[in-house]
Amino acid sequence: MTSHWSVLSGAAATSPPPLKTRLEEHPEEVRFERYCRLLATELTDLQRQNLHKRIAEEYVHLERLEKSQTQP
């Protein structure tokens, strides 16, 4: 029989990094995940429109960031 500790420690080994670490390394990814979670909830039309606007703004920001990193 497997102990609870080994099950928990095994799960911890495969779980994603802590949110603080992910925020420092990939803040855009964390924001996209949050927006997606919010879109899955009940929202007014205005709230949904604002989230879509924010997502579009994030994509533009990411594209600019990628372009600036690839140019010499």
PDB file of N, CA and C in Angstrom:
ATOM      1  N   MET A   1       0.839  -1.173   0.000  1.00  0.00           N
ATOM      2  CA  MET A   1       0.000   0.000   0.000  1.00  0.00           C
ATOM      3  C   MET A   1       0.887   1.241   0.000  1.00  0.00           C
ATOM      4  N   THR A   2       0.532   2.217  -0.805  1.00  0.00           N
ATOM      5  CA  THR A   2       1.303   3.445  -0.914  1.00  0.00           C
ATOM      6  C   THR A   2       0.904   4.412   0.189  1.00  0.00           C
ATOM      7  N   SER A   3       1.898   5.011   0.820  1.00  0.00           N
ATOM      8  CA  SER A   3       1.580   5.977   1.877  1.00  0.00           C
ATOM      9  C   SER A   3       1.091   7.280   1.263  1.00  0.00           C
ATOM     10  N   HIS A   4       0.360   8.035   2.056  1.00  0.00           N
ATOM     11  CA  HIS A   4      -0.124   9.328   1.565  1.00  0.00           C
ATOM     12  C   HIS A   4       1.037  10.243   1.230  1.00  0.00           C
ATOM     13  N   TRP A   5       2.103  10.182   2.016  1.00  0.00           N
ATOM     14  CA  TRP A   5       3.246  11.052   1.782  1.00  0.00           C
ATOM     15  C   TRP A   5       3.871  10.807   0.418  1.00  0.00           C
ATOM     16  N   SER A   6       4.049   9.545   0.037  1.00  0.00           N
ATOM     17  CA  SER A   6       4.678   9.267  -1.253  1.00  0.00           C
ATOM     18  C   SER A   6       3.793   9.712  -2.400  1.00  0.00           C
ATOM     19  N   VAL A   7       2.489   9.596  -2.241  1.00  0.00           N
ATOM     20  CA  VAL A   7       1.579  10.053  -3.280  1.00  0.00           C
ATOM     21  C   VAL A   7       1.666  11.571  -3.399  1.00  0.00           C
ATOM     22  N   LEU A   8       1.654  12.266  -2.256  1.00  0.00           N
ATOM     23  CA  LEU A   8       1.725  13.716  -2.282  1.00  0.00           C
ATOM     24  C   LEU A   8       3.073  14.205  -2.806  1.00  0.00           C
ATOM     25  N   SER A   9       4.139  13.566  -2.378  1.00  0.00           N
ATOM     26  CA  SER A   9       5.448  14.019  -2.842  1.00  0.00           C
ATOM     27  C   SER A   9       5.625  13.732  -4.327  1.00  0.00           C
ATOM     28  N   GLY A  10       5.037  12.648  -4.827  1.00  0.00           N
ATOM     29  CA  GLY A  10       5.095  12.360  -6.260  1.00  0.00           C
ATOM     30  C   GLY A  10       4.309  13.378  -7.054  1.00  0.00           C
ATOM     31  N   ALA A  11       3.171  13.801  -6.532  1.00  0.00           N
ATOM     32  CA  ALA A  11       2.366  14.810  -7.213  1.00  0.00           C
ATOM     33  C   ALA A  11       3.088  16.140  -7.242  1.00  0.00           C
ATOM     34  N   ALA A  12       3.767  16.451  -6.145  1.00  0.00           N
ATOM     35  CA  ALA A  12       4.485  17.717  -6.076  1.00  0.00           C
ATOM     36  C   ALA A  12       5.632  17.752  -7.077  1.00  0.00           C
ATOM     37  N   ALA A  13       6.224  16.610  -7.346  1.00  0.00           N
ATOM     38  CA  ALA A  13       7.345  16.562  -8.278  1.00  0.00           C
ATOM     39  C   ALA A  13       6.907  16.850  -9.704  1.00  0.00           C
ATOM     40  N   THR A  14       5.651  16.564 -10.033  1.00  0.00           N
ATOM     41  CA  THR A  14       5.187  16.775 -11.400  1.00  0.00           C
ATOM     42  C   THR A  14       4.273  17.990 -11.527  1.00  0.00           C
ATOM     43  N   SER A  15       4.028  18.696 -10.444  1.00  0.00           N
ATOM     44  CA  SER A  15       3.143  19.852 -10.505  1.00  0.00           C
ATOM     45  C   SER A  15       3.881  21.035 -11.127  1.00  0.00           C
ATOM     46  N   PRO A  16       3.121  22.016 -11.654  1.00  0.00           N
ATOM     47  CA  PRO A  16       3.772  23.174 -12.262  1.00  0.00           C
ATOM     48  C   PRO A  16       4.524  23.990 -11.215  1.00  0.00           C
ATOM     49  N   PRO A  17       5.453  24.828 -11.662  1.00  0.00           N
ATOM     50  CA  PRO A  17       6.199  25.645 -10.705  1.00  0.00           C
ATOM     51  C   PRO A  17       5.258  26.591  -9.966  1.00  0.00           C
ATOM     52  N   PRO A  18       5.676  27.079  -8.814  1.00  0.00           N
ATOM     53  CA  PRO A  18       4.834  28.000  -8.055  1.00  0.00           C
ATOM     54  C   PRO A  18       4.463  29.224  -8.877  1.00  0.00           C
ATOM     55  N   LEU A  19       3.315  29.802  -8.571  1.00  0.00           N
ATOM     56  CA  LEU A  19       2.815  30.943  -9.327  1.00  0.00           C
ATOM     57  C   LEU A  19       3.805  32.099  -9.315  1.00  0.00           C
ATOM     58  N   LYS A  20       4.453  32.349  -8.184  1.00  0.00           N
ATOM     59  CA  LYS A  20       5.408  33.454  -8.110  1.00  0.00           C
ATOM     60  C   LYS A  20       6.531  33.278  -9.116  1.00  0.00           C
ATOM     61  N   THR A  21       7.053  32.073  -9.238  1.00  0.00           N
ATOM     62  CA  THR A  21       8.120  31.795 -10.194  1.00  0.00           C
ATOM     63  C   THR A  21       7.615  31.991 -11.618  1.00  0.00           C
ATOM     64  N   ARG A  22       6.417  31.479 -11.906  1.00  0.00           N
ATOM     65  CA  ARG A  22       5.860  31.626 -13.243  1.00  0.00           C
ATOM     66  C   ARG A  22       5.590  33.089 -13.567  1.00  0.00           C
ATOM     67  N   LEU A  23       5.150  33.875 -12.574  1.00  0.00           N
ATOM     68  CA  LEU A  23       4.907  35.295 -12.805  1.00  0.00           C
ATOM     69  C   LEU A  23       6.202  36.015 -13.152  1.00  0.00           C
ATOM     70  N   GLU A  24       7.280  35.642 -12.503  1.00  0.00           N
ATOM     71  CA  GLU A  24       8.566  36.284 -12.770  1.00  0.00           C
ATOM     72  C   GLU A  24       9.097  35.910 -14.150  1.00  0.00           C
ATOM     73  N   GLU A  25       8.918  34.657 -14.549  1.00  0.00           N
ATOM     74  CA  GLU A  25       9.485  34.183 -15.804  1.00  0.00           C
ATOM     75  C   GLU A  25       8.574  34.432 -17.007  1.00  0.00           C
ATOM     76  N   HIS A  26       7.271  34.258 -16.825  1.00  0.00           N
ATOM     77  CA  HIS A  26       6.331  34.365 -17.943  1.00  0.00           C
ATOM     78  C   HIS A  26       5.043  35.051 -17.501  1.00  0.00           C
ATOM     79  N   PRO A  27       5.098  36.346 -17.204  1.00  0.00           N
ATOM     80  CA  PRO A  27       3.890  37.005 -16.705  1.00  0.00           C
ATOM     81  C   PRO A  27       2.744  37.000 -17.712  1.00  0.00           C
ATOM     82  N   GLU A  28       3.070  37.063 -19.006  1.00  0.00           N
ATOM     83  CA  GLU A  28       2.023  37.065 -20.027  1.00  0.00           C
ATOM     84  C   GLU A  28       1.242  35.761 -20.011  1.00  0.00           C
ATOM     85  N   GLU A  29       1.953  34.664 -19.863  1.00  0.00           N
ATOM     86  CA  GLU A  29       1.299  33.355 -19.840  1.00  0.00           C
ATOM     87  C   GLU A  29       0.323  33.255 -18.669  1.00  0.00           C
ATOM     88  N   VAL A  30       0.733  33.758 -17.523  1.00  0.00           N
ATOM     89  CA  VAL A  30      -0.125  33.712 -16.336  1.00  0.00           C
ATOM     90  C   VAL A  30      -1.366  34.567 -16.556  1.00  0.00           C
ATOM     91  N   ARG A  31      -1.188  35.748 -17.173  1.00  0.00           N
ATOM     92  CA  ARG A  31      -2.350  36.605 -17.446  1.00  0.00           C
ATOM     93  C   ARG A  31      -3.300  35.949 -18.434  1.00  0.00           C
ATOM     94  N   PHE A  32      -2.773  35.316 -19.489  1.00  0.00           N
ATOM     95  CA  PHE A  32      -3.633  34.619 -20.450  1.00  0.00           C
ATOM     96  C   PHE A  32      -4.436  33.518 -19.764  1.00  0.00           C
ATOM     97  N   GLU A  33      -3.788  32.769 -18.897  1.00  0.00           N
ATOM     98  CA  GLU A  33      -4.496  31.707 -18.171  1.00  0.00           C
ATOM     99  C   GLU A  33      -5.614  32.287 -17.317  1.00  0.00           C
ATOM    100  N   ARG A  34      -5.325  33.406 -16.658  1.00  0.00           N
ATOM    101  CA  ARG A  34      -6.347  34.043 -15.826  1.00  0.00           C
ATOM    102  C   ARG A  34      -7.518  34.524 -16.684  1.00  0.00           C
ATOM    103  N   TYR A  35      -7.213  35.135 -17.837  1.00  0.00           N
ATOM    104  CA  TYR A  35      -8.282  35.599 -18.721  1.00  0.00           C
ATOM    105  C   TYR A  35      -9.127  34.422 -19.212  1.00  0.00           C
ATOM    106  N   CYS A  36      -8.496  33.321 -19.534  1.00  0.00           N
ATOM    107  CA  CYS A  36      -9.235  32.138 -20.004  1.00  0.00           C
ATOM    108  C   CYS A  36     -10.133  31.585 -18.902  1.00  0.00           C
ATOM    109  N   ARG A  37      -9.621  31.544 -17.686  1.00  0.00           N
ATOM    110  CA  ARG A  37     -10.453  31.087 -16.565  1.00  0.00           C
ATOM    111  C   ARG A  37     -11.654  32.008 -16.375  1.00  0.00           C
ATOM    112  N   LEU A  38     -11.426  33.313 -16.494  1.00  0.00           N
ATOM    113  CA  LEU A  38     -12.522  34.265 -16.342  1.00  0.00           C
ATOM    114  C   LEU A  38     -13.551  34.117 -17.460  1.00  0.00           C
ATOM    115  N   LEU A  39     -13.085  33.874 -18.686  1.00  0.00           N
ATOM    116  CA  LEU A  39     -14.012  33.709 -19.803  1.00  0.00           C
ATOM    117  C   LEU A  39     -14.901  32.488 -19.628  1.00  0.00           C
ATOM    118  N   ALA A  40     -14.448  31.528 -18.852  1.00  0.00           N
ATOM    119  CA  ALA A  40     -15.230  30.311 -18.624  1.00  0.00           C
ATOM    120  C   ALA A  40     -16.319  30.514 -17.569  1.00  0.00           C
ATOM    121  N   THR A  41     -16.373  31.700 -16.970  1.00  0.00           N
ATOM    122  CA  THR A  41     -17.376  31.976 -15.943  1.00  0.00           C
ATOM    123  C   THR A  41     -18.523  32.782 -16.548  1.00  0.00           C
ATOM    124  N   GLU A  42     -19.552  32.988 -15.734  1.00  0.00           N
ATOM    125  CA  GLU A  42     -20.670  33.821 -16.180  1.00  0.00           C
ATOM    126  C   GLU A  42     -20.245  35.275 -16.132  1.00  0.00           C
ATOM    127  N   LEU A  43     -20.355  35.957 -17.263  1.00  0.00           N
ATOM    128  CA  LEU A  43     -19.970  37.359 -17.356  1.00  0.00           C
ATOM    129  C   LEU A  43     -21.043  38.128 -18.114  1.00  0.00           C
ATOM    130  N   THR A  44     -21.074  39.418 -17.858  1.00  0.00           N
ATOM    131  CA  THR A  44     -21.939  40.262 -18.673  1.00  0.00           C
ATOM    132  C   THR A  44     -21.268  40.446 -20.030  1.00  0.00           C
ATOM    133  N   ASP A  45     -22.025  40.937 -20.985  1.00  0.00           N
ATOM    134  CA  ASP A  45     -21.444  41.189 -22.310  1.00  0.00           C
ATOM    135  C   ASP A  45     -20.293  42.186 -22.225  1.00  0.00           C
ATOM    136  N   LEU A  46     -20.465  43.211 -21.400  1.00  0.00           N
ATOM    137  CA  LEU A  46     -19.421  44.216 -21.253  1.00  0.00           C
ATOM    138  C   LEU A  46     -18.154  43.621 -20.637  1.00  0.00           C
ATOM    139  N   GLN A  47     -18.298  42.791 -19.626  1.00  0.00           N
ATOM    140  CA  GLN A  47     -17.134  42.141 -19.013  1.00  0.00           C
ATOM    141  C   GLN A  47     -16.421  41.252 -20.022  1.00  0.00           C
ATOM    142  N   ARG A  48     -17.186  40.506 -20.784  1.00  0.00           N
ATOM    143  CA  ARG A  48     -16.609  39.619 -21.797  1.00  0.00           C
ATOM    144  C   ARG A  48     -15.869  40.434 -22.868  1.00  0.00           C
ATOM    145  N   GLN A  49     -16.458  41.535 -23.298  1.00  0.00           N
ATOM    146  CA  GLN A  49     -15.810  42.407 -24.284  1.00  0.00           C
ATOM    147  C   GLN A  49     -14.486  42.957 -23.744  1.00  0.00           C
ATOM    148  N   ASN A  50     -14.502  43.371 -22.479  1.00  0.00           N
ATOM    149  CA  ASN A  50     -13.274  43.900 -21.872  1.00  0.00           C
ATOM    150  C   ASN A  50     -12.182  42.837 -21.795  1.00  0.00           C
ATOM    151  N   LEU A  51     -12.555  41.611 -21.478  1.00  0.00           N
ATOM    152  CA  LEU A  51     -11.560  40.533 -21.435  1.00  0.00           C
ATOM    153  C   LEU A  51     -10.985  40.265 -22.822  1.00  0.00           C
ATOM    154  N   HIS A  52     -11.838  40.236 -23.829  1.00  0.00           N
ATOM    155  CA  HIS A  52     -11.348  40.024 -25.199  1.00  0.00           C
ATOM    156  C   HIS A  52     -10.419  41.167 -25.619  1.00  0.00           C
ATOM    157  N   LYS A  53     -10.750  42.378 -25.214  1.00  0.00           N
ATOM    158  CA  LYS A  53      -9.891  43.527 -25.513  1.00  0.00           C
ATOM    159  C   LYS A  53      -8.529  43.358 -24.854  1.00  0.00           C
ATOM    160  N   ARG A  54      -8.512  42.947 -23.576  1.00  0.00           N
ATOM    161  CA  ARG A  54      -7.253  42.745 -22.866  1.00  0.00           C
ATOM    162  C   ARG A  54      -6.415  41.639 -23.517  1.00  0.00           C
ATOM    163  N   ILE A  55      -7.079  40.563 -23.942  1.00  0.00           N
ATOM    164  CA  ILE A  55      -6.364  39.472 -24.603  1.00  0.00           C
ATOM    165  C   ILE A  55      -5.722  39.982 -25.889  1.00  0.00           C
ATOM    166  N   ALA A  56      -6.462  40.758 -26.671  1.00  0.00           N
ATOM    167  CA  ALA A  56      -5.914  41.320 -27.912  1.00  0.00           C
ATOM    168  C   ALA A  56      -4.722  42.224 -27.611  1.00  0.00           C
ATOM    169  N   GLU A  57      -4.822  43.036 -26.564  1.00  0.00           N
ATOM    170  CA  GLU A  57      -3.713  43.907 -26.179  1.00  0.00           C
ATOM    171  C   GLU A  57      -2.484  43.098 -25.766  1.00  0.00           C
ATOM    172  N   GLU A  58      -2.708  42.004 -25.063  1.00  0.00           N
ATOM    173  CA  GLU A  58      -1.594  41.140 -24.647  1.00  0.00           C
ATOM    174  C   GLU A  58      -0.902  40.518 -25.862  1.00  0.00           C
ATOM    175  N   TYR A  59      -1.697  40.088 -26.850  1.00  0.00           N
ATOM    176  CA  TYR A  59      -1.108  39.517 -28.063  1.00  0.00           C
ATOM    177  C   TYR A  59      -0.247  40.543 -28.791  1.00  0.00           C
ATOM    178  N   VAL A  60      -0.729  41.774 -28.888  1.00  0.00           N
ATOM    179  CA  VAL A  60       0.057  42.828 -29.539  1.00  0.00           C
ATOM    180  C   VAL A  60       1.357  43.045 -28.776  1.00  0.00           C
ATOM    181  N   HIS A  61       1.259  43.093 -27.465  1.00  0.00           N
ATOM    182  CA  HIS A  61       2.457  43.269 -26.640  1.00  0.00           C
ATOM    183  C   HIS A  61       3.446  42.125 -26.855  1.00  0.00           C
ATOM    184  N   LEU A  62       2.943  40.892 -26.888  1.00  0.00           N
ATOM    185  CA  LEU A  62       3.819  39.734 -27.102  1.00  0.00           C
ATOM    186  C   LEU A  62       4.485  39.774 -28.469  1.00  0.00           C
ATOM    187  N   GLU A  63       3.723  40.148 -29.489  1.00  0.00           N
ATOM    188  CA  GLU A  63       4.302  40.232 -30.837  1.00  0.00           C
ATOM    189  C   GLU A  63       5.424  41.264 -30.879  1.00  0.00           C
ATOM    190  N   ARG A  64       5.207  42.424 -30.252  1.00  0.00           N
ATOM    191  CA  ARG A  64       6.250  43.454 -30.201  1.00  0.00           C
ATOM    192  C   ARG A  64       7.471  42.956 -29.443  1.00  0.00           C
ATOM    193  N   LEU A  65       7.233  42.273 -28.354  1.00  0.00           N
ATOM    194  CA  LEU A  65       8.332  41.742 -27.554  1.00  0.00           C
ATOM    195  C   LEU A  65       9.139  40.721 -28.356  1.00  0.00           C
ATOM    196  N   GLU A  66       8.450  39.825 -29.057  1.00  0.00           N
ATOM    197  CA  GLU A  66       9.138  38.825 -29.866  1.00  0.00           C
ATOM    198  C   GLU A  66       9.942  39.475 -30.986  1.00  0.00           C
ATOM    199  N   LYS A  67       9.383  40.478 -31.633  1.00  0.00           N
ATOM    200  CA  LYS A  67      10.086  41.174 -32.712  1.00  0.00           C
ATOM    201  C   LYS A  67      11.337  41.873 -32.182  1.00  0.00           C
ATOM    202  N   SER A  68      11.223  42.497 -31.019  1.00  0.00           N
ATOM    203  CA  SER A  68      12.370  43.204 -30.462  1.00  0.00           C
ATOM    204  C   SER A  68      13.481  42.248 -30.045  1.00  0.00           C
ATOM    205  N   GLN A  69      13.120  41.026 -29.677  1.00  0.00           N
ATOM    206  CA  GLN A  69      14.131  40.055 -29.267  1.00  0.00           C
ATOM    207  C   GLN A  69      14.800  39.401 -30.466  1.00  0.00           C
ATOM    208  N   THR A  70      14.129  39.337 -31.600  1.00  0.00           N
ATOM    209  CA  THR A  70      14.712  38.688 -32.776  1.00  0.00           C
ATOM    210  C   THR A  70      15.505  39.648 -33.645  1.00  0.00           C
ATOM    211  N   GLN A  71      15.302  40.962 -33.474  1.00  0.00           N
ATOM    212  CA  GLN A  71      16.050  41.932 -34.265  1.00  0.00           C
ATOM    213  C   GLN A  71      17.387  42.227 -33.597  1.00  0.00           C
ATOM    214  N   PRO A  72      18.452  42.374 -34.444  1.00  0.00           N
ATOM    215  CA  PRO A  72      19.786  42.650 -33.868  1.00  0.00           C
ATOM    216  C   PRO A  72      19.912  44.031 -33.260  1.00  0.00           C
TER     217      PRO A  72
END
